[in-house]
Amino acid sequence: MNDGDRDEIARLLPAPADQDLPREQHLRHKELLMHRIDQEIAQETDRRTDRERATRTRPARRLLRPALLAPATALTLAGVVAAGVALNGNGTGPVGTSSHRAATDMQPVAALLGRISDAAGERRTPRVRDDQFVYTREKLQGADLTSGKAVMGPLAERESWSAQEPGPLRRLGLVRENGETLPVNAQLGDTDGTPAGLGRPTYSWFSTLPTDPDRLLTYFYAHTPFAEGRGRDQAVFEQIGSLLGGMMPPATAAALYRAAAKIPGVTAAPQAHDAIGRRGLGIARDDTRYGVRTEWVFDKKDYSFLGSRSYLIKDRSYGKAGTLLSSEAELEVAVVDKAGERP
């Protein structure tokens, strides 16, 4: 396993878990994973030392061990979570360093995203009060990477209730999966609670975002977290993707898609489908450094969001090209008055 593979495994892991994990289980999984990473780093260091003794041409790069955490539940999407991964990055804004080919690839997809934007702007959504909850039901499937190989877990159904209070809140809602209902607590490091924002979007927070696509894209480039070795264009594309399907004002949704059309490298994906096999109109972007494609899937008739998926587009140490890493299918989104209440 080289630096790029370790970085990619850390990047593919979802954001820090909202669910509480028993401390003993957390520490056990973390120690096992850290032990494996330390072994890989030691082996890689020995190999580099041997190469340097032979060539004497360049100093060794400093090896960084990502702070990886353990699975929140055995069947949680993607199986493992990342917390405290060193944040850094490259690129500073929407223009970036896109190639002529990336700009050319954007031409047809801009029209498709324009149609998706128009449909989103015309779609009626209920206004959501701060004392209510957004209910989401979805099918999820993800790969567990803790063994160093991508091992796909079973398709699972998840229900979640997201509090809409601006906060900061210590209790963010509930999640129900595999017959178990668990609280969603404040994000790691938020000792006073997690406020509404990019990491905990609420309907009211969405309404504060600019509805001009250029200004909105500038906001995302400025506020999307930096991650070492991860291009800004890809990071912003995935950040926008994490918001899709949520309950938001139509004008915000419309601007979101037109902003995405301006990200270099975004293209159409004719064969896209969601976690339950629904084929639709695909919007994709390739992370060429790590060989991963991320796709969004939309209904062919009404342009509504169906789901997303990510998979390898080139061989890596943890999987062959075509290996699925994560997949999602959105089944229902609604507004309810209480956590745990179904629409």
Protein backbone atom coordinates (compact mmCIF):
# COMPACT_ATOMS: atom_id res chain seq x y z
CA MET A 1 0.00 0.00 0.00
CA ASN A 2 1.54 3.34 -1.05
CA ASP A 3 0.79 6.93 0.01
CA GLY A 4 -1.78 7.38 -2.73
CA ASP A 5 -3.66 4.26 -1.70
CA ARG A 6 -3.74 5.29 1.96
CA ASP A 7 -4.90 8.79 1.01
CA GLU A 8 -7.59 7.36 -1.25
CA ILE A 9 -8.92 4.95 1.39
CA ALA A 10 -9.14 7.84 3.84
CA ARG A 11 -10.83 10.07 1.25
CA LEU A 12 -13.43 7.46 0.35
CA LEU A 13 -14.55 6.99 3.90
CA PRO A 14 -17.67 8.97 4.83
CA ALA A 15 -17.71 11.97 7.14
CA PRO A 16 -17.34 11.39 10.91
CA ALA A 17 -20.17 9.26 12.22
CA ASP A 18 -23.13 10.96 13.79
CA GLN A 19 -24.11 7.84 15.67
CA ASP A 20 -22.59 7.08 19.06
CA LEU A 21 -20.29 4.05 19.10
CA PRO A 22 -19.54 2.21 22.37
CA ARG A 23 -16.11 3.36 23.45
CA GLU A 24 -14.70 -0.15 23.87
CA GLN A 25 -15.77 -1.18 20.37
CA HIS A 26 -14.50 2.08 18.92
CA LEU A 27 -11.05 1.71 20.50
CA ARG A 28 -10.76 -1.93 19.47
CA HIS A 29 -11.53 -1.23 15.80
CA LYS A 30 -9.32 1.84 15.78
CA GLU A 31 -6.34 0.01 17.26
CA LEU A 32 -6.67 -2.87 14.78
CA LEU A 33 -6.79 -0.42 11.89
CA MET A 34 -3.92 1.70 13.19
CA HIS A 35 -1.82 -1.43 13.68
CA ARG A 36 -2.36 -2.42 10.05
CA ILE A 37 -1.54 1.07 8.82
CA ASP A 38 1.64 1.19 10.93
CA GLN A 39 2.74 -2.13 9.45
CA GLU A 40 2.16 -0.83 5.93
CA ILE A 41 4.05 2.38 6.67
CA ALA A 42 7.00 0.48 8.16
CA GLN A 43 7.17 -1.80 5.12
CA GLU A 44 6.93 1.13 2.74
CA THR A 45 9.65 3.01 4.65
CA ASP A 46 11.98 -0.01 4.38
CA ARG A 47 11.32 -0.28 0.65
CA ARG A 48 12.00 3.42 0.13
CA THR A 49 15.20 3.23 2.16
CA ASP A 50 16.47 0.41 -0.03
CA ARG A 51 15.62 2.34 -3.19
CA GLU A 52 17.35 5.48 -1.93
CA ARG A 53 20.51 3.58 -1.02
CA ALA A 54 20.61 2.30 -4.59
CA THR A 55 19.85 5.54 -6.40
CA ARG A 56 20.85 8.39 -4.01
CA THR A 57 18.72 10.72 -6.09
CA ARG A 58 16.02 12.17 -3.81
CA PRO A 59 15.01 12.31 -0.14
CA ALA A 60 12.14 10.19 1.16
CA ARG A 61 8.74 11.82 1.48
CA ARG A 62 7.36 12.13 4.98
CA LEU A 63 4.74 9.47 5.61
CA LEU A 64 1.55 10.59 7.28
CA ARG A 65 -0.74 8.18 9.06
CA PRO A 66 -4.41 9.15 8.69
CA ALA A 67 -6.46 9.13 11.89
CA LEU A 68 -9.06 6.55 10.94
CA LEU A 69 -11.96 5.49 13.09
CA ALA A 70 -13.99 2.29 13.25
CA PRO A 71 -17.34 1.18 11.83
CA ALA A 72 -20.33 2.79 13.52
CA THR A 73 -22.37 -0.35 12.82
CA ALA A 74 -21.49 -3.47 10.89
CA LEU A 75 -23.80 -2.51 8.02
CA THR A 76 -23.32 1.24 8.03
CA LEU A 77 -22.72 2.73 4.59
CA ALA A 78 -19.07 2.24 3.57
CA GLY A 79 -18.42 0.37 6.83
CA VAL A 80 -15.85 2.74 8.28
CA VAL A 81 -15.58 6.41 9.09
CA ALA A 82 -12.77 8.93 9.02
CA ALA A 83 -12.17 11.48 11.71
CA GLY A 84 -9.35 13.94 12.05
CA VAL A 85 -7.83 13.30 8.63
CA ALA A 86 -5.24 16.02 8.03
CA LEU A 87 -6.88 18.90 6.19
CA ASN A 88 -5.01 20.72 3.47
CA GLY A 89 -5.48 21.11 -0.27
CA ASN A 90 -4.63 22.67 -3.57
CA GLY A 91 -6.45 25.09 -5.83
CA THR A 92 -8.13 28.25 -4.66
CA GLY A 93 -11.30 28.88 -6.63
CA PRO A 94 -13.81 27.92 -9.28
CA VAL A 95 -11.45 28.62 -12.16
CA GLY A 96 -8.75 26.23 -10.88
CA THR A 97 -6.41 24.60 -13.41
CA SER A 98 -8.92 22.82 -15.63
CA SER A 99 -7.75 21.50 -18.97
CA HIS A 100 -9.20 22.36 -22.36
CA ARG A 101 -10.61 18.82 -22.55
CA ALA A 102 -12.45 19.28 -19.22
CA ALA A 103 -13.97 22.50 -20.48
CA THR A 104 -15.03 20.80 -23.70
CA ASP A 105 -16.59 17.92 -21.78
CA MET A 106 -18.74 20.42 -19.87
CA GLN A 107 -20.58 21.66 -22.96
CA PRO A 108 -23.28 18.94 -23.27
CA VAL A 109 -23.70 18.41 -19.53
CA ALA A 110 -24.42 22.10 -18.95
CA ALA A 111 -27.63 21.80 -20.95
CA LEU A 112 -28.68 18.68 -19.02
CA LEU A 113 -28.01 20.32 -15.67
CA GLY A 114 -29.91 23.35 -16.94
CA ARG A 115 -33.00 21.18 -17.50
CA ILE A 116 -32.57 19.56 -14.08
CA SER A 117 -32.25 23.05 -12.59
CA ASP A 118 -35.41 24.29 -14.30
CA ALA A 119 -37.38 21.29 -13.03
CA ALA A 120 -36.06 21.79 -9.49
CA GLY A 121 -37.03 25.46 -9.58
CA GLU A 122 -40.60 24.59 -10.53
CA ARG A 123 -40.99 21.76 -8.03
CA ARG A 124 -43.14 22.62 -5.04
CA THR A 125 -41.76 21.79 -1.60
CA PRO A 126 -43.33 22.40 1.80
CA ARG A 127 -41.91 25.12 3.98
CA VAL A 128 -40.16 23.56 6.94
CA ARG A 129 -40.41 25.05 10.43
CA ASP A 130 -37.43 25.12 12.73
CA ASP A 131 -39.24 22.84 15.21
CA GLN A 132 -39.84 20.09 12.62
CA PHE A 133 -37.76 17.22 11.23
CA VAL A 134 -36.86 16.22 7.68
CA TYR A 135 -37.56 12.51 7.22
CA THR A 136 -35.53 10.51 4.69
CA ARG A 137 -35.86 6.87 3.68
CA GLU A 138 -33.18 5.39 1.45
CA LYS A 139 -31.41 2.21 0.40
CA LEU A 140 -27.65 2.16 0.99
CA GLN A 141 -24.77 -0.10 0.13
CA GLY A 142 -21.08 0.44 0.70
CA ALA A 143 -17.68 -1.20 0.76
CA ASP A 144 -15.83 -1.93 4.00
CA LEU A 145 -12.15 -1.01 3.51
CA THR A 146 -10.78 -1.96 6.92
CA SER A 147 -9.12 -5.12 5.57
CA GLY A 148 -7.31 -3.18 2.84
CA LYS A 149 -9.69 -4.64 0.25
CA ALA A 150 -13.09 -3.33 -0.79
CA VAL A 151 -15.64 -5.78 0.63
CA MET A 152 -19.20 -4.89 -0.36
CA GLY A 153 -21.80 -5.04 2.37
CA PRO A 154 -25.46 -5.93 1.86
CA LEU A 155 -28.07 -3.46 0.70
CA ALA A 156 -29.66 -1.88 3.77
CA GLU A 157 -32.61 0.42 4.30
CA ARG A 158 -32.16 3.47 6.49
CA GLU A 159 -34.60 6.01 7.86
CA SER A 160 -33.40 9.27 9.36
CA TRP A 161 -34.93 12.28 11.07
CA SER A 162 -32.90 15.51 10.89
CA ALA A 163 -33.67 18.30 13.32
CA GLN A 164 -34.25 21.66 11.64
CA GLU A 165 -33.46 23.93 14.59
CA PRO A 166 -30.53 26.22 13.76
CA GLY A 167 -28.71 25.14 16.92
CA PRO A 168 -26.09 24.52 17.95
CA LEU A 169 -27.63 21.19 18.95
CA ARG A 170 -26.25 18.23 20.88
CA ARG A 171 -29.01 15.91 19.60
CA LEU A 172 -29.37 16.21 15.82
CA GLY A 173 -32.06 13.60 15.23
CA LEU A 174 -32.48 9.85 14.88
CA VAL A 175 -31.45 7.11 12.50
CA ARG A 176 -33.13 3.71 12.14
CA GLU A 177 -31.40 0.82 10.40
CA ASN A 178 -31.64 -2.97 10.67
CA GLY A 179 -34.36 -2.68 13.29
CA GLU A 180 -32.27 -0.49 15.58
CA THR A 181 -32.97 3.16 16.32
CA LEU A 182 -30.05 5.30 17.47
CA PRO A 183 -29.64 8.98 18.34
CA VAL A 184 -27.67 11.25 16.02
CA ASN A 185 -25.40 13.33 18.22
CA ALA A 186 -23.30 16.43 17.66
CA GLN A 187 -20.35 16.00 15.33
CA LEU A 188 -16.94 15.22 16.77
CA GLY A 189 -15.27 18.31 18.15
CA ASP A 190 -18.51 20.28 18.53
CA THR A 191 -18.45 20.38 22.32
CA ASP A 192 -21.25 22.96 22.46
CA GLY A 193 -23.33 21.23 19.79
CA THR A 194 -23.40 21.35 15.99
CA PRO A 195 -24.96 24.43 14.36
CA ALA A 196 -26.85 24.43 11.08
CA GLY A 197 -24.49 24.78 8.14
CA LEU A 198 -22.66 22.91 5.43
CA GLY A 199 -22.12 19.91 7.72
CA ARG A 200 -25.71 19.96 9.04
CA PRO A 201 -27.90 21.55 6.38
CA THR A 202 -31.40 22.66 7.37
CA TYR A 203 -34.18 24.19 5.32
CA SER A 204 -33.62 27.59 6.94
CA TRP A 205 -29.88 27.38 6.32
CA PHE A 206 -30.45 26.49 2.65
CA SER A 207 -32.63 29.60 2.34
CA THR A 208 -29.68 31.80 3.35
CA LEU A 209 -27.49 30.63 0.45
CA PRO A 210 -27.17 32.81 -2.65
CA THR A 211 -29.39 31.78 -5.55
CA ASP A 212 -27.04 33.21 -8.17
CA PRO A 213 -25.07 30.18 -9.47
CA ASP A 214 -21.74 32.03 -9.65
CA ARG A 215 -22.02 33.38 -6.12
CA LEU A 216 -23.18 29.99 -4.86
CA LEU A 217 -20.23 28.22 -6.47
CA THR A 218 -17.86 30.77 -4.95
CA TYR A 219 -19.38 29.97 -1.56
CA PHE A 220 -18.70 26.26 -2.00
CA TYR A 221 -15.11 26.79 -3.09
CA ALA A 222 -14.57 28.98 -0.05
CA HIS A 223 -16.26 26.71 2.53
CA THR A 224 -15.73 23.13 1.34
CA PRO A 225 -13.14 21.54 3.68
CA PHE A 226 -9.65 21.10 2.28
CA ALA A 227 -8.21 17.58 2.20
CA GLU A 228 -4.60 16.73 1.45
CA GLY A 229 -4.07 15.51 -2.08
CA ARG A 230 -7.66 16.11 -3.09
CA GLY A 231 -8.37 18.52 -5.94
CA ARG A 232 -10.70 21.41 -5.15
CA ASP A 233 -12.95 20.77 -8.15
CA GLN A 234 -13.59 17.19 -7.04
CA ALA A 235 -14.07 18.20 -3.42
CA VAL A 236 -16.68 20.81 -4.36
CA PHE A 237 -18.47 18.39 -6.70
CA GLU A 238 -18.76 15.81 -3.92
CA GLN A 239 -19.77 18.45 -1.37
CA ILE A 240 -22.65 19.56 -3.58
CA GLY A 241 -23.55 15.92 -4.17
CA SER A 242 -23.87 15.34 -0.43
CA LEU A 243 -26.69 17.91 -0.35
CA LEU A 244 -28.75 16.52 -3.21
CA GLY A 245 -32.12 15.04 -2.39
CA GLY A 246 -32.51 17.05 0.77
CA MET A 247 -35.41 19.35 1.54
CA MET A 248 -34.52 22.85 0.34
CA PRO A 249 -36.20 25.89 -1.25
CA PRO A 250 -36.75 25.40 -5.02
CA ALA A 251 -34.68 28.47 -5.89
CA THR A 252 -31.73 27.07 -3.93
CA ALA A 253 -32.01 23.68 -5.63
CA ALA A 254 -32.13 25.32 -9.05
CA ALA A 255 -29.00 27.36 -8.32
CA LEU A 256 -27.21 24.29 -6.95
CA TYR A 257 -27.44 22.44 -10.27
CA ARG A 258 -26.41 25.43 -12.35
CA ALA A 259 -23.44 25.93 -10.03
CA ALA A 260 -22.45 22.28 -10.46
CA ALA A 261 -22.48 22.75 -14.25
CA LYS A 262 -19.65 25.28 -13.87
CA ILE A 263 -17.26 22.84 -12.15
CA PRO A 264 -14.51 21.76 -14.59
CA GLY A 265 -14.57 18.09 -15.55
CA VAL A 266 -18.27 17.44 -14.91
CA THR A 267 -19.74 15.22 -17.61
CA ALA A 268 -22.78 13.12 -18.51
CA ALA A 269 -22.97 9.44 -17.51
CA PRO A 270 -25.43 7.61 -19.80
CA GLN A 271 -25.24 4.27 -17.94
CA ALA A 272 -25.83 5.64 -14.45
CA HIS A 273 -28.13 3.83 -12.03
CA ASP A 274 -28.84 3.96 -8.32
CA ALA A 275 -28.54 1.36 -5.54
CA ILE A 276 -31.75 -0.45 -6.52
CA GLY A 277 -31.01 -0.49 -10.23
CA ARG A 278 -33.12 2.46 -11.38
CA ARG A 279 -31.45 3.81 -14.52
CA GLY A 280 -31.56 7.50 -15.14
CA LEU A 281 -29.74 10.57 -16.36
CA GLY A 282 -26.25 10.58 -14.92
CA ILE A 283 -23.99 13.46 -13.93
CA ALA A 284 -20.43 12.41 -13.11
CA ARG A 285 -16.94 13.56 -12.34
CA ASP A 286 -13.76 11.47 -12.31
CA ASP A 287 -11.13 11.84 -9.63
CA THR A 288 -8.28 11.01 -11.98
CA ARG A 289 -5.62 10.88 -9.29
CA TYR A 290 -7.36 8.12 -7.34
CA GLY A 291 -9.25 6.53 -10.19
CA VAL A 292 -12.72 6.97 -8.72
CA ARG A 293 -15.88 8.10 -10.50
CA THR A 294 -18.73 9.73 -8.57
CA GLU A 295 -22.16 9.77 -10.24
CA TRP A 296 -25.48 11.45 -9.48
CA VAL A 297 -28.61 9.83 -10.95
CA PHE A 298 -31.80 11.66 -11.96
CA ASP A 299 -35.18 10.48 -13.18
CA LYS A 300 -35.48 10.63 -16.97
CA LYS A 301 -39.03 12.03 -16.88
CA ASP A 302 -39.24 14.60 -14.10
CA TYR A 303 -35.49 15.10 -13.39
CA SER A 304 -35.91 14.32 -9.69
CA PHE A 305 -32.87 13.04 -7.79
CA LEU A 306 -32.78 9.22 -7.57
CA GLY A 307 -29.47 8.54 -5.88
CA SER A 308 -25.72 8.34 -6.36
CA ARG A 309 -22.83 5.90 -6.52
CA SER A 310 -19.04 5.79 -6.69
CA TYR A 311 -16.76 3.12 -8.14
CA LEU A 312 -13.19 2.54 -9.27
CA ILE A 313 -12.29 3.38 -12.85
CA LYS A 314 -8.77 1.97 -12.60
CA ASP A 315 -7.15 -0.86 -10.65
CA ARG A 316 -6.02 -0.05 -7.11
CA SER A 317 -4.54 -2.18 -4.35
CA TYR A 318 -7.96 -2.52 -2.71
CA GLY A 319 -10.01 -3.30 -5.81
CA LYS A 320 -10.16 -3.68 -9.59
CA ALA A 321 -11.62 -1.16 -12.00
CA GLY A 322 -15.40 -1.34 -11.78
CA THR A 323 -15.42 -2.16 -8.06
CA LEU A 324 -18.38 -0.47 -6.40
CA LEU A 325 -17.49 1.67 -3.39
CA SER A 326 -20.84 3.16 -2.42
CA SER A 327 -24.37 3.36 -3.76
CA GLU A 328 -27.56 5.09 -2.64
CA ALA A 329 -31.20 5.18 -3.70
CA GLU A 330 -33.49 7.84 -2.28
CA LEU A 331 -36.98 6.47 -1.66
CA GLU A 332 -38.81 9.15 0.29
CA VAL A 333 -38.30 12.64 1.69
CA ALA A 334 -40.91 14.36 3.85
CA VAL A 335 -41.45 16.70 6.78
CA VAL A 336 -42.69 15.45 10.16
CA ASP A 337 -43.28 17.04 13.53
CA LYS A 338 -41.39 14.56 15.71
CA ALA A 339 -38.27 12.43 15.47
CA GLY A 340 -39.26 8.81 14.93
CA GLU A 341 -42.57 9.75 13.28
CA ARG A 342 -43.21 8.47 9.76
CA PRO A 343 -45.04 10.58 7.17
